[in-house]
C-alpha cells in the first residue's frame, strides 16, 4: 500500500551535492573569517563567494530535489575557487587541487570530469611555470594524474553499479516493466508536482488481463509468463516515450500518462485494449484486458487516485471484460 504521507526519497546525486556543498561551507568559512581578520581581502572575497554559492546550492537541492544544474555549478565553483586561489597566492595553495579533483568526479560524468580536470591542470602549470622547479612540477603532475585516474576509475565504477542497483530495485525481473516500488515513487513525484502546478494533468491507466488464472490452468505457468512478457512488449510499443509502464502485481499493470489531457488518456486506454485484442499471438490464447482510467484530482493521495482507477477497472470487468471504463 502507498503511504499517503510519504515524500519523494532523496537520490544518491542529491546526497552527494548536499554533502559536498555542506562540507564546502563548513570548511571554507573559517578560512574566510581568518582572511578577513588579517586583511587578506582578495582571498577572503573568493572564500565568501564560495561559501554563499555553496549554501544557495545546498538550499536549492534540499528544497527542489533537482541536481543536474547544481552539480555542474558546484563542479565549476570548486575548480574556479582553487584556480583563483592559486593565481592570487601561488604554489602554496596548490594542495587544494586534490580534493577538488576528487569532488568533480562525483558531480559530473566521468569523461566530462576528466577533460575538465586536464584543462585545469594544464592551466595551473602555465600559471606557475616560473615558480615551480622541474622536480616539483614532475612530482605535482604525477600525483595529480594519479589522483585523476583513481577518481575516474572509482566514479565510473560507482555510477555503473548504481545503475545496476537502480535497475534491480525498480524493474520487474520477468517483464522488465517498472515494478510496484518504482510506480509508487512515480506517483508521489507526480503528486508533489501537481500540488505546485495543476496546469499539466496526469492520468493512470490500470489494466488487468482477463481470466489470467484460466490461462495458467490451461497452458501452464511457463506459458503464463510468456504471455505477460508478450503483453508488456505490446504495450511498450504503443505508449509514448514519456509514458511509463509498471507491473502493479500479478497480472495487473499501470500506465502513468504524465502531462496528458484526460481525453488523450482515455483514447490511449482504448488503443491499448484494441492492440492486445488484435495482437496475433495473444489473440491465439484469448488474451484481453479490462481497463480503468483515472485523472489525478487536486489534493487526493496516491492511494485514492489508484483506488479510483482500480474501481473503474473492476467496473469494466463487470460489464463483460475486454472493456474500458472511466473513473
C-alpha atoms as a PDB file:
ATOM      1  CA  UNK A   1       0.000   0.000   0.000  1.00  0.00           C
ATOM      2  CA  UNK A   2       1.187   3.506  -0.818  1.00  0.00           C
ATOM      3  CA  UNK A   3       1.865   5.635   2.236  1.00  0.00           C
ATOM      4  CA  UNK A   4      -0.157   8.765   1.625  1.00  0.00           C
ATOM      5  CA  UNK A   5       2.137  10.748   3.891  1.00  0.00           C
ATOM      6  CA  UNK A   6       5.330   9.757   2.096  1.00  0.00           C
ATOM      7  CA  UNK A   7       7.525  12.285   0.368  1.00  0.00           C
ATOM      8  CA  UNK A   8       9.886  11.615  -2.550  1.00  0.00           C
ATOM      9  CA  UNK A   9      13.082   9.987  -1.260  1.00  0.00           C
ATOM     10  CA  UNK A  10      16.413  11.616  -1.953  1.00  0.00           C
ATOM     11  CA  UNK A  11      18.594  10.252  -4.731  1.00  0.00           C
ATOM     12  CA  UNK A  12      22.300   9.478  -4.490  1.00  0.00           C
ATOM     13  CA  UNK A  13      23.015  12.590  -6.556  1.00  0.00           C
ATOM     14  CA  UNK A  14      21.158  14.722  -4.027  1.00  0.00           C
ATOM     15  CA  UNK A  15      23.127  13.305  -1.125  1.00  0.00           C
ATOM     16  CA  UNK A  16      26.395  13.925  -2.974  1.00  0.00           C
ATOM     17  CA  UNK A  17      25.579  17.563  -3.709  1.00  0.00           C
ATOM     18  CA  UNK A  18      24.200  18.192  -0.227  1.00  0.00           C
ATOM     19  CA  UNK A  19      27.305  16.658   1.337  1.00  0.00           C
ATOM     20  CA  UNK A  20      29.842  18.442  -0.864  1.00  0.00           C
ATOM     21  CA  UNK A  21      28.137  21.837  -0.675  1.00  0.00           C
ATOM     22  CA  UNK A  22      27.672  21.490   3.084  1.00  0.00           C
ATOM     23  CA  UNK A  23      31.299  20.461   3.649  1.00  0.00           C
ATOM     24  CA  UNK A  24      32.446  23.333   1.426  1.00  0.00           C
ATOM     25  CA  UNK A  25      30.573  25.828   3.594  1.00  0.00           C
ATOM     26  CA  UNK A  26      31.852  24.360   6.866  1.00  0.00           C
ATOM     27  CA  UNK A  27      35.475  24.018   5.743  1.00  0.00           C
ATOM     28  CA  UNK A  28      35.922  27.297   3.877  1.00  0.00           C
ATOM     29  CA  UNK A  29      34.022  29.614   6.241  1.00  0.00           C
ATOM     30  CA  UNK A  30      36.757  29.558   8.959  1.00  0.00           C
ATOM     31  CA  UNK A  31      39.378  30.419   6.332  1.00  0.00           C
ATOM     32  CA  UNK A  32      37.214  33.285   5.083  1.00  0.00           C
ATOM     33  CA  UNK A  33      36.884  34.659   8.620  1.00  0.00           C
ATOM     34  CA  UNK A  34      40.629  34.322   9.176  1.00  0.00           C
ATOM     35  CA  UNK A  35      41.404  36.118   5.892  1.00  0.00           C
ATOM     36  CA  UNK A  36      39.132  38.964   6.913  1.00  0.00           C
ATOM     37  CA  UNK A  37      40.826  39.336  10.306  1.00  0.00           C
ATOM     38  CA  UNK A  38      44.298  39.619   8.731  1.00  0.00           C
ATOM     39  CA  UNK A  39      43.091  41.904   5.939  1.00  0.00           C
ATOM     40  CA  UNK A  40      43.710  39.447   3.084  1.00  0.00           C
ATOM     41  CA  UNK A  41      40.678  40.743   1.228  1.00  0.00           C
ATOM     42  CA  UNK A  42      41.222  39.183  -2.189  1.00  0.00           C
ATOM     43  CA  UNK A  43      41.190  35.603  -0.870  1.00  0.00           C
ATOM     44  CA  UNK A  44      38.529  36.483   1.709  1.00  0.00           C
ATOM     45  CA  UNK A  45      36.148  37.655  -1.007  1.00  0.00           C
ATOM     46  CA  UNK A  46      36.812  34.491  -3.013  1.00  0.00           C
ATOM     47  CA  UNK A  47      36.163  32.292   0.048  1.00  0.00           C
ATOM     48  CA  UNK A  48      32.971  34.148   0.979  1.00  0.00           C
ATOM     49  CA  UNK A  49      31.735  33.819  -2.604  1.00  0.00           C
ATOM     50  CA  UNK A  50      32.341  30.055  -2.456  1.00  0.00           C
ATOM     51  CA  UNK A  51      30.502  29.778   0.877  1.00  0.00           C
ATOM     52  CA  UNK A  52      27.481  31.774  -0.343  1.00  0.00           C
ATOM     53  CA  UNK A  53      27.119  29.872  -3.613  1.00  0.00           C
ATOM     54  CA  UNK A  54      27.539  26.529  -1.823  1.00  0.00           C
ATOM     55  CA  UNK A  55      24.873  27.495   0.718  1.00  0.00           C
ATOM     56  CA  UNK A  56      22.490  28.524  -2.076  1.00  0.00           C
ATOM     57  CA  UNK A  57      23.064  25.225  -3.910  1.00  0.00           C
ATOM     58  CA  UNK A  58      22.533  23.256  -0.693  1.00  0.00           C
ATOM     59  CA  UNK A  59      19.215  25.012  -0.041  1.00  0.00           C
ATOM     60  CA  UNK A  60      18.051  24.700  -3.659  1.00  0.00           C
ATOM     61  CA  UNK A  61      18.731  20.956  -3.884  1.00  0.00           C
ATOM     62  CA  UNK A  62      17.278  20.324  -0.423  1.00  0.00           C
ATOM     63  CA  UNK A  63      14.003  22.021  -1.367  1.00  0.00           C
ATOM     64  CA  UNK A  64      13.583  21.088  -5.038  1.00  0.00           C
ATOM     65  CA  UNK A  65      15.374  17.697  -5.335  1.00  0.00           C
ATOM     66  CA  UNK A  66      16.861  18.931  -8.634  1.00  0.00           C
ATOM     67  CA  UNK A  67      20.520  18.077  -9.182  1.00  0.00           C
ATOM     68  CA  UNK A  68      21.623  18.460 -12.803  1.00  0.00           C
ATOM     69  CA  UNK A  69      22.419  22.187 -12.911  1.00  0.00           C
ATOM     70  CA  UNK A  70      23.540  22.434  -9.241  1.00  0.00           C
ATOM     71  CA  UNK A  71      26.070  19.630  -9.807  1.00  0.00           C
ATOM     72  CA  UNK A  72      27.531  21.492 -12.795  1.00  0.00           C
ATOM     73  CA  UNK A  73      27.676  24.764 -10.884  1.00  0.00           C
ATOM     74  CA  UNK A  74      29.318  23.133  -7.862  1.00  0.00           C
ATOM     75  CA  UNK A  75      31.928  21.413 -10.043  1.00  0.00           C
ATOM     76  CA  UNK A  76      32.766  24.673 -11.812  1.00  0.00           C
ATOM     77  CA  UNK A  77      32.808  26.534  -8.487  1.00  0.00           C
ATOM     78  CA  UNK A  78      35.233  24.107  -6.838  1.00  0.00           C
ATOM     79  CA  UNK A  79      37.744  24.280  -9.671  1.00  0.00           C
ATOM     80  CA  UNK A  80      37.345  28.033 -10.166  1.00  0.00           C
ATOM     81  CA  UNK A  81      37.945  28.816  -6.494  1.00  0.00           C
ATOM     82  CA  UNK A  82      41.026  26.594  -6.372  1.00  0.00           C
ATOM     83  CA  UNK A  83      42.394  28.086  -9.592  1.00  0.00           C
ATOM     84  CA  UNK A  84      41.673  31.629  -8.416  1.00  0.00           C
ATOM     85  CA  UNK A  85      43.375  30.934  -5.086  1.00  0.00           C
ATOM     86  CA  UNK A  86      46.464  29.618  -6.868  1.00  0.00           C
ATOM     87  CA  UNK A  87      46.596  32.704  -9.096  1.00  0.00           C
ATOM     88  CA  UNK A  88      46.369  35.011  -6.055  1.00  0.00           C
ATOM     89  CA  UNK A  89      48.606  33.082  -3.644  1.00  0.00           C
ATOM     90  CA  UNK A  90      50.823  30.978  -5.857  1.00  0.00           C
ATOM     91  CA  UNK A  91      52.065  27.418  -5.393  1.00  0.00           C
ATOM     92  CA  UNK A  92      51.416  27.448  -1.626  1.00  0.00           C
ATOM     93  CA  UNK A  93      47.735  26.801  -2.435  1.00  0.00           C
ATOM     94  CA  UNK A  94      48.304  24.007  -4.919  1.00  0.00           C
ATOM     95  CA  UNK A  95      47.331  21.254  -2.467  1.00  0.00           C
ATOM     96  CA  UNK A  96      43.678  22.330  -2.719  1.00  0.00           C
ATOM     97  CA  UNK A  97      43.561  20.880  -6.221  1.00  0.00           C
ATOM     98  CA  UNK A  98      43.437  17.308  -4.884  1.00  0.00           C
ATOM     99  CA  UNK A  99      40.063  17.483  -3.065  1.00  0.00           C
ATOM    100  CA  UNK A 100      38.695  19.495  -5.996  1.00  0.00           C
ATOM    101  CA  UNK A 101      39.829  16.817  -8.456  1.00  0.00           C
ATOM    102  CA  UNK A 102      38.114  14.133  -6.424  1.00  0.00           C
ATOM    103  CA  UNK A 103      34.907  16.131  -5.922  1.00  0.00           C
ATOM    104  CA  UNK A 104      34.137  16.865  -9.558  1.00  0.00           C
ATOM    105  CA  UNK A 105      34.146  13.176 -10.454  1.00  0.00           C
ATOM    106  CA  UNK A 106      31.168  12.794  -8.121  1.00  0.00           C
ATOM    107  CA  UNK A 107      29.429  15.792  -9.702  1.00  0.00           C
ATOM    108  CA  UNK A 108      29.979  15.292 -13.439  1.00  0.00           C
ATOM    109  CA  UNK A 109      30.026  12.336 -15.835  1.00  0.00           C
ATOM    110  CA  UNK A 110      33.455  10.708 -15.641  1.00  0.00           C
ATOM    111  CA  UNK A 111      34.517  11.654 -19.195  1.00  0.00           C
ATOM    112  CA  UNK A 112      33.477  15.296 -18.754  1.00  0.00           C
ATOM    113  CA  UNK A 113      35.189  15.484 -15.357  1.00  0.00           C
ATOM    114  CA  UNK A 114      38.410  14.041 -16.819  1.00  0.00           C
ATOM    115  CA  UNK A 115      38.534  16.619 -19.625  1.00  0.00           C
ATOM    116  CA  UNK A 116      37.703  19.469 -17.253  1.00  0.00           C
ATOM    117  CA  UNK A 117      40.398  18.317 -14.811  1.00  0.00           C
ATOM    118  CA  UNK A 118      43.019  18.020 -17.560  1.00  0.00           C
ATOM    119  CA  UNK A 119      42.309  21.581 -18.734  1.00  0.00           C
ATOM    120  CA  UNK A 120      42.612  22.941 -15.192  1.00  0.00           C
ATOM    121  CA  UNK A 121      45.852  21.035 -14.504  1.00  0.00           C
ATOM    122  CA  UNK A 122      47.427  22.324 -17.711  1.00  0.00           C
ATOM    123  CA  UNK A 123      46.303  25.860 -16.830  1.00  0.00           C
ATOM    124  CA  UNK A 124      47.866  25.592 -13.388  1.00  0.00           C
ATOM    125  CA  UNK A 125      51.146  24.512 -14.963  1.00  0.00           C
ATOM    126  CA  UNK A 126      51.081  27.560 -17.257  1.00  0.00           C
ATOM    127  CA  UNK A 127      50.286  29.960 -14.404  1.00  0.00           C
ATOM    128  CA  UNK A 128      53.034  28.552 -12.134  1.00  0.00           C
ATOM    129  CA  UNK A 129      55.644  27.828 -14.818  1.00  0.00           C
ATOM    130  CA  UNK A 130      58.095  30.428 -13.442  1.00  0.00           C
ATOM    131  CA  UNK A 131      57.521  29.486  -9.817  1.00  0.00           C
ATOM    132  CA  UNK A 132      57.863  25.711  -9.757  1.00  0.00           C
ATOM    133  CA  UNK A 133      61.101  23.769 -10.073  1.00  0.00           C
ATOM    134  CA  UNK A 134      61.305  20.990 -12.632  1.00  0.00           C
ATOM    135  CA  UNK A 135      61.313  18.325  -9.924  1.00  0.00           C
ATOM    136  CA  UNK A 136      58.304  19.819  -8.124  1.00  0.00           C
ATOM    137  CA  UNK A 137      56.437  20.145 -11.439  1.00  0.00           C
ATOM    138  CA  UNK A 138      57.032  16.473 -12.245  1.00  0.00           C
ATOM    139  CA  UNK A 139      56.067  15.477  -8.700  1.00  0.00           C
ATOM    140  CA  UNK A 140      52.881  17.559  -8.864  1.00  0.00           C
ATOM    141  CA  UNK A 141      51.731  16.220 -12.223  1.00  0.00           C
ATOM    142  CA  UNK A 142      52.468  12.595 -11.350  1.00  0.00           C
ATOM    143  CA  UNK A 143      50.458  12.860  -8.116  1.00  0.00           C
ATOM    144  CA  UNK A 144      47.659  14.885  -9.750  1.00  0.00           C
ATOM    145  CA  UNK A 145      47.318  12.498 -12.689  1.00  0.00           C
ATOM    146  CA  UNK A 146      47.319   9.529 -10.301  1.00  0.00           C
ATOM    147  CA  UNK A 147      44.513  11.200  -8.336  1.00  0.00           C
ATOM    148  CA  UNK A 148      42.648  11.875 -11.583  1.00  0.00           C
ATOM    149  CA  UNK A 149      42.960   8.265 -12.771  1.00  0.00           C
ATOM    150  CA  UNK A 150      41.899   6.864  -9.399  1.00  0.00           C
ATOM    151  CA  UNK A 151      38.923   9.242  -9.195  1.00  0.00           C
ATOM    152  CA  UNK A 152      37.897   8.425 -12.774  1.00  0.00           C
ATOM    153  CA  UNK A 153      38.005   4.664 -12.175  1.00  0.00           C
ATOM    154  CA  UNK A 154      36.177   4.872  -8.859  1.00  0.00           C
ATOM    155  CA  UNK A 155      33.470   7.279 -10.085  1.00  0.00           C
ATOM    156  CA  UNK A 156      32.886   5.358 -13.316  1.00  0.00           C
ATOM    157  CA  UNK A 157      32.563   2.068 -11.435  1.00  0.00           C
ATOM    158  CA  UNK A 158      30.313   3.628  -8.812  1.00  0.00           C
ATOM    159  CA  UNK A 159      27.931   5.034 -11.421  1.00  0.00           C
ATOM    160  CA  UNK A 160      27.708   1.709 -13.257  1.00  0.00           C
ATOM    161  CA  UNK A 161      26.969  -0.139 -10.021  1.00  0.00           C
ATOM    162  CA  UNK A 162      24.392   2.493  -9.118  1.00  0.00           C
ATOM    163  CA  UNK A 163      22.670   1.994 -12.475  1.00  0.00           C
ATOM    164  CA  UNK A 164      22.633  -1.780 -11.952  1.00  0.00           C
ATOM    165  CA  UNK A 165      21.237  -1.456  -8.435  1.00  0.00           C
ATOM    166  CA  UNK A 166      18.626   1.033  -9.594  1.00  0.00           C
ATOM    167  CA  UNK A 167      17.525  -1.343 -12.343  1.00  0.00           C
ATOM    168  CA  UNK A 168      17.284  -4.233  -9.893  1.00  0.00           C
ATOM    169  CA  UNK A 169      15.322  -2.131  -7.419  1.00  0.00           C
ATOM    170  CA  UNK A 170      12.888  -0.598  -9.903  1.00  0.00           C
ATOM    171  CA  UNK A 171      12.283  -3.231 -12.617  1.00  0.00           C
ATOM    172  CA  UNK A 172      10.109  -6.311 -12.605  1.00  0.00           C
ATOM    173  CA  UNK A 173      12.550  -9.184 -13.292  1.00  0.00           C
ATOM    174  CA  UNK A 174      10.146 -11.112 -15.553  1.00  0.00           C
ATOM    175  CA  UNK A 175       8.669  -8.462 -17.815  1.00  0.00           C
ATOM    176  CA  UNK A 176      11.226  -5.650 -17.338  1.00  0.00           C
ATOM    177  CA  UNK A 177       8.401  -3.193 -16.770  1.00  0.00           C
ATOM    178  CA  UNK A 178       8.776  -0.919 -13.775  1.00  0.00           C
ATOM    179  CA  UNK A 179       7.906  -2.621 -10.507  1.00  0.00           C
ATOM    180  CA  UNK A 180       5.468  -1.538  -7.803  1.00  0.00           C
ATOM    181  CA  UNK A 181       8.118   0.344  -5.856  1.00  0.00           C
ATOM    182  CA  UNK A 182       9.044   2.403  -8.911  1.00  0.00           C
ATOM    183  CA  UNK A 183       5.364   3.083  -9.629  1.00  0.00           C
ATOM    184  CA  UNK A 184       4.721   4.319  -6.102  1.00  0.00           C
ATOM    185  CA  UNK A 185       7.689   6.678  -6.292  1.00  0.00           C
ATOM    186  CA  UNK A 186       6.491   7.973  -9.668  1.00  0.00           C
ATOM    187  CA  UNK A 187       3.028   8.682  -8.277  1.00  0.00           C
ATOM    188  CA  UNK A 188       4.491  10.543  -5.313  1.00  0.00           C
ATOM    189  CA  UNK A 189       6.659  12.622  -7.654  1.00  0.00           C
ATOM    190  CA  UNK A 190       3.642  13.491  -9.817  1.00  0.00           C
ATOM    191  CA  UNK A 191       1.544  14.465  -6.808  1.00  0.00           C
ATOM    192  CA  UNK A 192       4.333  16.660  -5.432  1.00  0.00           C
ATOM    193  CA  UNK A 193       4.482  18.431  -8.808  1.00  0.00           C
ATOM    194  CA  UNK A 194       0.685  18.673  -9.167  1.00  0.00           C
ATOM    195  CA  UNK A 195       0.412  20.408  -5.811  1.00  0.00           C
ATOM    196  CA  UNK A 196       2.688  23.141  -7.191  1.00  0.00           C
ATOM    197  CA  UNK A 197       1.323  23.278 -10.745  1.00  0.00           C
ATOM    198  CA  UNK A 198      -2.032  21.820 -11.842  1.00  0.00           C
ATOM    199  CA  UNK A 199      -1.826  23.085 -15.420  1.00  0.00           C
ATOM    200  CA  UNK A 200      -0.353  19.784 -16.669  1.00  0.00           C
ATOM    201  CA  UNK A 201      -2.793  16.932 -15.920  1.00  0.00           C
ATOM    202  CA  UNK A 202      -1.730  13.339 -15.346  1.00  0.00           C
ATOM    203  CA  UNK A 203      -3.713  10.109 -15.642  1.00  0.00           C
ATOM    204  CA  UNK A 204      -3.479   6.475 -14.612  1.00  0.00           C
ATOM    205  CA  UNK A 205      -4.433   3.600 -16.901  1.00  0.00           C
ATOM    206  CA  UNK A 206      -4.895   0.416 -14.862  1.00  0.00           C
ATOM    207  CA  UNK A 207      -5.013  -2.793 -16.916  1.00  0.00           C
ATOM    208  CA  UNK A 208      -5.825  -6.333 -15.790  1.00  0.00           C
ATOM    209  CA  UNK A 209      -5.508  -9.414 -18.001  1.00  0.00           C
ATOM    210  CA  UNK A 210      -8.921 -11.085 -18.164  1.00  0.00           C
ATOM    211  CA  UNK A 211      -9.241 -14.636 -16.795  1.00  0.00           C
ATOM    212  CA  UNK A 212      -5.489 -14.962 -16.414  1.00  0.00           C
ATOM    213  CA  UNK A 213      -5.926 -17.783 -13.893  1.00  0.00           C
ATOM    214  CA  UNK A 214      -7.626 -19.813 -16.612  1.00  0.00           C
ATOM    215  CA  UNK A 215      -4.636 -19.209 -18.881  1.00  0.00           C
ATOM    216  CA  UNK A 216      -2.280 -20.544 -16.217  1.00  0.00           C
ATOM    217  CA  UNK A 217      -4.556 -23.536 -15.553  1.00  0.00           C
ATOM    218  CA  UNK A 218      -4.992 -24.411 -19.237  1.00  0.00           C
ATOM    219  CA  UNK A 219      -1.486 -23.697 -20.584  1.00  0.00           C
ATOM    220  CA  UNK A 220       0.772 -23.784 -17.520  1.00  0.00           C
ATOM    221  CA  UNK A 221       2.626 -21.073 -15.628  1.00  0.00           C
ATOM    222  CA  UNK A 222       5.513 -21.009 -18.089  1.00  0.00           C
ATOM    223  CA  UNK A 223       3.093 -20.051 -20.847  1.00  0.00           C
ATOM    224  CA  UNK A 224       1.522 -17.530 -18.478  1.00  0.00           C
ATOM    225  CA  UNK A 225       4.925 -15.899 -18.018  1.00  0.00           C
ATOM    226  CA  UNK A 226       5.442 -15.791 -21.791  1.00  0.00           C
ATOM    227  CA  UNK A 227       2.058 -14.106 -22.195  1.00  0.00           C
ATOM    228  CA  UNK A 228       2.935 -11.484 -19.586  1.00  0.00           C
ATOM    229  CA  UNK A 229       6.204 -10.732 -21.390  1.00  0.00           C
ATOM    230  CA  UNK A 230       4.448 -10.503 -24.771  1.00  0.00           C
ATOM    231  CA  UNK A 231       1.764  -8.282 -23.261  1.00  0.00           C
ATOM    232  CA  UNK A 232       4.347  -5.858 -21.880  1.00  0.00           C
ATOM    233  CA  UNK A 233       6.171  -5.749 -25.212  1.00  0.00           C
ATOM    234  CA  UNK A 234       2.872  -4.951 -26.926  1.00  0.00           C
ATOM    235  CA  UNK A 235       2.061  -2.105 -24.508  1.00  0.00           C
ATOM    236  CA  UNK A 236       5.589  -0.702 -24.577  1.00  0.00           C
ATOM    237  CA  UNK A 237       5.321  -0.476 -28.346  1.00  0.00           C
ATOM    238  CA  UNK A 238       2.126   1.623 -28.116  1.00  0.00           C
ATOM    239  CA  UNK A 239       2.806   4.142 -25.352  1.00  0.00           C
ATOM    240  CA  UNK A 240       4.819   7.337 -25.748  1.00  0.00           C
ATOM    241  CA  UNK A 241       8.425   7.676 -24.643  1.00  0.00           C
ATOM    242  CA  UNK A 242       7.219   9.937 -21.821  1.00  0.00           C
ATOM    243  CA  UNK A 243       4.695   7.377 -20.525  1.00  0.00           C
ATOM    244  CA  UNK A 244       5.745   4.698 -18.045  1.00  0.00           C
ATOM    245  CA  UNK A 245       4.526   1.116 -17.674  1.00  0.00           C
ATOM    246  CA  UNK A 246       4.616  -0.648 -14.300  1.00  0.00           C
ATOM    247  CA  UNK A 247       3.666  -4.100 -13.066  1.00  0.00           C
ATOM    248  CA  UNK A 248       1.331  -3.410 -10.163  1.00  0.00           C
ATOM    249  CA  UNK A 249       1.075  -7.043  -9.125  1.00  0.00           C
ATOM    250  CA  UNK A 250       0.297 -10.409 -10.679  1.00  0.00           C
ATOM    251  CA  UNK A 251      -1.448  -9.680 -13.972  1.00  0.00           C
ATOM    252  CA  UNK A 252      -2.231  -6.009 -13.179  1.00  0.00           C
ATOM    253  CA  UNK A 253      -0.269  -3.281 -14.921  1.00  0.00           C
ATOM    254  CA  UNK A 254      -0.365   0.517 -14.758  1.00  0.00           C
ATOM    255  CA  UNK A 255       0.492   3.088 -17.409  1.00  0.00           C
ATOM    256  CA  UNK A 256       1.265   6.510 -15.969  1.00  0.00           C
ATOM    257  CA  UNK A 257       0.434   9.109 -18.607  1.00  0.00           C
ATOM    258  CA  UNK A 258       2.142  12.223 -17.278  1.00  0.00           C
ATOM    259  CA  UNK A 259       1.344  15.680 -18.661  1.00  0.00           C
ATOM    260  CA  UNK A 260      -1.556  14.241 -20.667  1.00  0.00           C
ATOM    261  CA  UNK A 261      -5.082  15.663 -21.095  1.00  0.00           C
ATOM    262  CA  UNK A 262      -7.693  13.237 -19.798  1.00  0.00           C
ATOM    263  CA  UNK A 263      -9.355  12.802 -23.193  1.00  0.00           C
ATOM    264  CA  UNK A 264      -5.996  11.727 -24.635  1.00  0.00           C
ATOM    265  CA  UNK A 265      -5.505   9.272 -21.779  1.00  0.00           C
ATOM    266  CA  UNK A 266      -8.953   7.808 -22.466  1.00  0.00           C
ATOM    267  CA  UNK A 267      -8.056   7.431 -26.137  1.00  0.00           C
ATOM    268  CA  UNK A 268      -4.761   5.772 -25.231  1.00  0.00           C
ATOM    269  CA  UNK A 269      -6.539   3.316 -22.926  1.00  0.00           C
ATOM    270  CA  UNK A 270      -8.865   2.216 -25.721  1.00  0.00           C
ATOM    271  CA  UNK A 271      -5.928   1.982 -28.139  1.00  0.00           C
ATOM    272  CA  UNK A 272      -4.087  -0.300 -25.717  1.00  0.00           C
ATOM    273  CA  UNK A 273      -7.154  -2.500 -25.248  1.00  0.00           C
ATOM    274  CA  UNK A 274      -7.559  -2.918 -29.006  1.00  0.00           C
ATOM    275  CA  UNK A 275      -3.857  -3.582 -29.548  1.00  0.00           C
ATOM    276  CA  UNK A 276      -3.994  -6.511 -27.106  1.00  0.00           C
ATOM    277  CA  UNK A 277      -7.237  -7.844 -28.576  1.00  0.00           C
ATOM    278  CA  UNK A 278      -5.802  -7.779 -32.108  1.00  0.00           C
ATOM    279  CA  UNK A 279      -2.299  -8.994 -31.288  1.00  0.00           C
ATOM    280  CA  UNK A 280      -1.964 -12.235 -33.252  1.00  0.00           C
ATOM    281  CA  UNK A 281      -0.072 -14.336 -30.698  1.00  0.00           C
ATOM    282  CA  UNK A 282      -2.005 -13.020 -27.705  1.00  0.00           C
ATOM    283  CA  UNK A 283      -5.307 -13.485 -29.564  1.00  0.00           C
ATOM    284  CA  UNK A 284      -4.459 -17.165 -30.075  1.00  0.00           C
ATOM    285  CA  UNK A 285      -4.601 -17.560 -26.325  1.00  0.00           C
ATOM    286  CA  UNK A 286      -7.739 -15.415 -25.941  1.00  0.00           C
ATOM    287  CA  UNK A 287      -5.883 -12.655 -24.080  1.00  0.00           C
ATOM    288  CA  UNK A 288      -7.904  -9.494 -23.457  1.00  0.00           C
ATOM    289  CA  UNK A 289      -7.696  -6.744 -20.852  1.00  0.00           C
ATOM    290  CA  UNK A 290     -10.089  -4.716 -18.727  1.00  0.00           C
ATOM    291  CA  UNK A 291      -9.022  -1.104 -18.282  1.00  0.00           C
ATOM    292  CA  UNK A 292      -9.784   1.657 -15.796  1.00  0.00           C
ATOM    293  CA  UNK A 293      -8.636   5.237 -16.375  1.00  0.00           C
ATOM    294  CA  UNK A 294      -8.447   7.982 -13.745  1.00  0.00           C
ATOM    295  CA  UNK A 295      -7.238  11.566 -13.929  1.00  0.00           C
ATOM    296  CA  UNK A 296      -5.445  12.943 -10.903  1.00  0.00           C
ATOM    297  CA  UNK A 297      -7.752  15.178  -8.888  1.00  0.00           C
ATOM    298  CA  UNK A 298      -6.297  18.038  -6.814  1.00  0.00           C
ATOM    299  CA  UNK A 299      -5.173  17.169  -3.286  1.00  0.00           C
ATOM    300  CA  UNK A 300      -6.021  13.461  -3.416  1.00  0.00           C
ATOM    301  CA  UNK A 301      -3.445  10.933  -2.267  1.00  0.00           C
ATOM    302  CA  UNK A 302      -1.724   8.389  -4.477  1.00  0.00           C
ATOM    303  CA  UNK A 303      -3.765   5.667  -2.737  1.00  0.00           C
ATOM    304  CA  UNK A 304      -7.043   7.463  -3.530  1.00  0.00           C
ATOM    305  CA  UNK A 305      -6.005   8.090  -7.135  1.00  0.00           C
ATOM    306  CA  UNK A 306      -5.038   4.484  -7.704  1.00  0.00           C
ATOM    307  CA  UNK A 307      -8.185   3.315  -5.925  1.00  0.00           C
ATOM    308  CA  UNK A 308     -10.417   5.220  -8.349  1.00  0.00           C
ATOM    309  CA  UNK A 309      -8.610   3.668 -11.317  1.00  0.00           C
ATOM    310  CA  UNK A 310      -8.997   0.248  -9.693  1.00  0.00           C
ATOM    311  CA  UNK A 311     -12.759   0.693  -9.233  1.00  0.00           C
ATOM    312  CA  UNK A 312     -13.106   1.769 -12.855  1.00  0.00           C
ATOM    313  CA  UNK A 313     -11.187  -1.310 -13.959  1.00  0.00           C
ATOM    314  CA  UNK A 314     -13.480  -3.612 -11.952  1.00  0.00           C
ATOM    315  CA  UNK A 315     -16.459  -1.836 -13.466  1.00  0.00           C
ATOM    316  CA  UNK A 316     -15.052  -2.754 -16.880  1.00  0.00           C
ATOM    317  CA  UNK A 317     -14.888  -6.398 -15.779  1.00  0.00           C
ATOM    318  CA  UNK A 318     -18.464  -6.304 -14.505  1.00  0.00           C
ATOM    319  CA  UNK A 319     -19.579  -5.025 -17.914  1.00  0.00           C
ATOM    320  CA  UNK A 320     -18.265  -8.147 -19.614  1.00  0.00           C
ATOM    321  CA  UNK A 321     -14.441  -7.707 -19.621  1.00  0.00           C
ATOM    322  CA  UNK A 322     -12.378  -6.557 -22.617  1.00  0.00           C
ATOM    323  CA  UNK A 323     -13.683  -3.100 -21.900  1.00  0.00           C
ATOM    324  CA  UNK A 324     -12.592   0.381 -20.801  1.00  0.00           C
ATOM    325  CA  UNK A 325     -14.202   2.450 -18.045  1.00  0.00           C
ATOM    326  CA  UNK A 326     -13.526   5.940 -16.704  1.00  0.00           C
ATOM    327  CA  UNK A 327     -13.259   6.861 -13.039  1.00  0.00           C
END
